[in-house]
Protein backbone atom coordinates (compact mmCIF):
# COMPACT_ATOMS: atom_id res chain seq x y z
CA MET A 1 96.62 90.72 112.22
CA ARG A 2 100.11 90.43 110.78
CA TRP A 3 102.39 87.75 109.39
CA GLN A 4 105.96 87.04 110.46
CA PHE A 5 108.58 84.39 109.98
CA LYS A 6 108.92 81.87 112.83
CA GLU A 7 112.70 81.98 112.75
CA LYS A 8 114.89 84.43 110.85
CA ALA A 9 113.62 85.80 107.56
CA PRO A 10 115.28 84.37 104.43
CA ALA A 11 118.15 86.39 103.00
CA SER A 12 116.28 86.87 99.74
CA PHE A 13 113.37 88.47 101.61
CA LYS A 14 115.73 90.79 103.49
CA ALA A 15 117.46 91.80 100.25
CA LEU A 16 114.16 92.53 98.49
CA PHE A 17 112.91 94.48 101.50
CA ALA A 18 116.09 96.58 101.41
CA LEU A 19 115.66 97.21 97.66
CA PHE A 20 112.02 98.11 98.29
CA GLY A 21 113.08 100.71 100.88
CA ILE A 22 115.86 102.11 98.70
CA ASN A 23 113.47 102.41 95.76
CA PHE A 24 110.91 104.18 97.95
CA VAL A 25 113.49 106.70 99.17
CA GLY A 26 114.80 107.23 95.62
CA GLN A 27 111.32 107.76 94.19
CA SER A 28 110.46 110.19 96.97
CA ALA A 29 113.68 112.12 96.41
CA ALA A 30 113.08 112.28 92.65
CA PHE A 31 109.48 113.41 93.16
CA TYR A 32 110.71 116.16 95.47
CA ALA A 33 113.78 117.22 93.46
CA ILE A 34 112.47 117.30 89.89
CA PRO A 35 110.05 120.24 90.29
CA ARG A 36 112.52 122.21 92.37
CA TRP A 37 115.82 121.81 90.50
CA SER A 38 115.02 120.78 86.93
CA PRO A 39 114.91 123.29 84.08
CA ILE A 40 111.69 124.00 82.20
CA ARG A 41 113.54 124.24 78.86
CA SER A 42 115.45 121.46 77.16
CA ASP A 43 119.22 121.64 76.78
CA ALA A 44 121.95 119.16 75.84
CA ALA A 45 122.14 117.52 79.27
CA HIS A 46 118.44 117.69 80.19
CA SER A 47 116.58 116.21 77.25
CA TYR A 48 114.02 113.89 78.87
CA LEU A 49 110.53 115.36 79.31
CA ILE A 50 108.65 114.84 82.59
CA ARG A 51 105.08 116.13 82.84
CA PHE A 52 103.63 116.65 86.32
CA ARG A 53 99.98 117.06 87.17
CA GLY A 54 98.75 120.55 86.66
CA GLY A 55 100.54 120.84 83.33
CA ALA A 56 104.01 121.55 84.68
CA VAL A 57 106.76 120.35 82.33
CA TYR A 58 110.36 119.71 83.38
CA PHE A 59 113.39 118.39 81.55
CA VAL A 60 115.75 116.00 83.31
CA GLN A 61 118.66 113.79 82.40
CA PRO A 62 117.52 110.61 80.60
CA TRP A 63 118.58 108.22 83.38
CA LEU A 64 116.60 110.17 85.97
CA GLY A 65 113.54 110.40 83.75
CA LYS A 66 113.53 106.66 83.10
CA TYR A 67 114.02 105.91 86.79
CA PHE A 68 111.19 108.30 87.69
CA LEU A 69 108.80 106.57 85.28
CA TYR A 70 109.84 102.92 85.69
CA GLY A 71 110.76 103.06 89.38
CA PHE A 72 107.10 103.33 90.32
CA ALA A 73 106.33 100.08 88.48
CA ALA A 74 109.43 98.49 89.99
CA HIS A 75 107.99 99.22 93.42
CA PHE A 76 105.02 96.95 92.71
CA VAL A 77 107.24 94.28 91.17
CA LEU A 78 109.39 94.21 94.32
CA LEU A 79 106.27 94.01 96.48
CA ALA A 80 104.95 91.10 94.41
CA LEU A 81 108.31 89.31 94.69
CA MET A 82 108.20 89.68 98.48
CA PHE A 83 104.77 88.03 98.50
CA VAL A 84 106.11 85.22 96.29
CA ILE A 85 108.96 84.61 98.71
CA MET A 86 106.53 84.54 101.61
CA TRP A 87 104.40 82.04 99.69
CA LEU A 88 107.42 79.85 98.90
CA HIS A 89 108.36 79.86 102.59
CA ARG A 90 104.75 79.58 103.82
CA ASP A 91 105.65 76.75 106.19
CA GLU A 92 107.99 79.19 108.00
CA VAL A 93 105.38 81.97 108.30
CA GLU A 94 102.96 82.36 111.19
CA ARG A 95 100.05 84.72 111.87
CA VAL A 96 100.36 86.94 114.94
CA SER A 97 97.27 88.61 116.36
């Protein structure tokens, strides 16, 4: 069972879906890149501490560290907003078996 719009999807839904995908790719890239390319000692440019499971500690630039931590929560916020848009346009949504 899945849900789809009868006509074209609203532009706001398309924009949020695009942001959702971009955030997913960015989070995946950060999760891959931080353990491989980040230093394990702090310096002037890499001052933000990221702790991975297993006790590994890496230092990254502050903007990347904040994105790595808050981007995960943003993923759920974007998902919730997509459900809100589907609920607001519920008369335009149909169930397909």
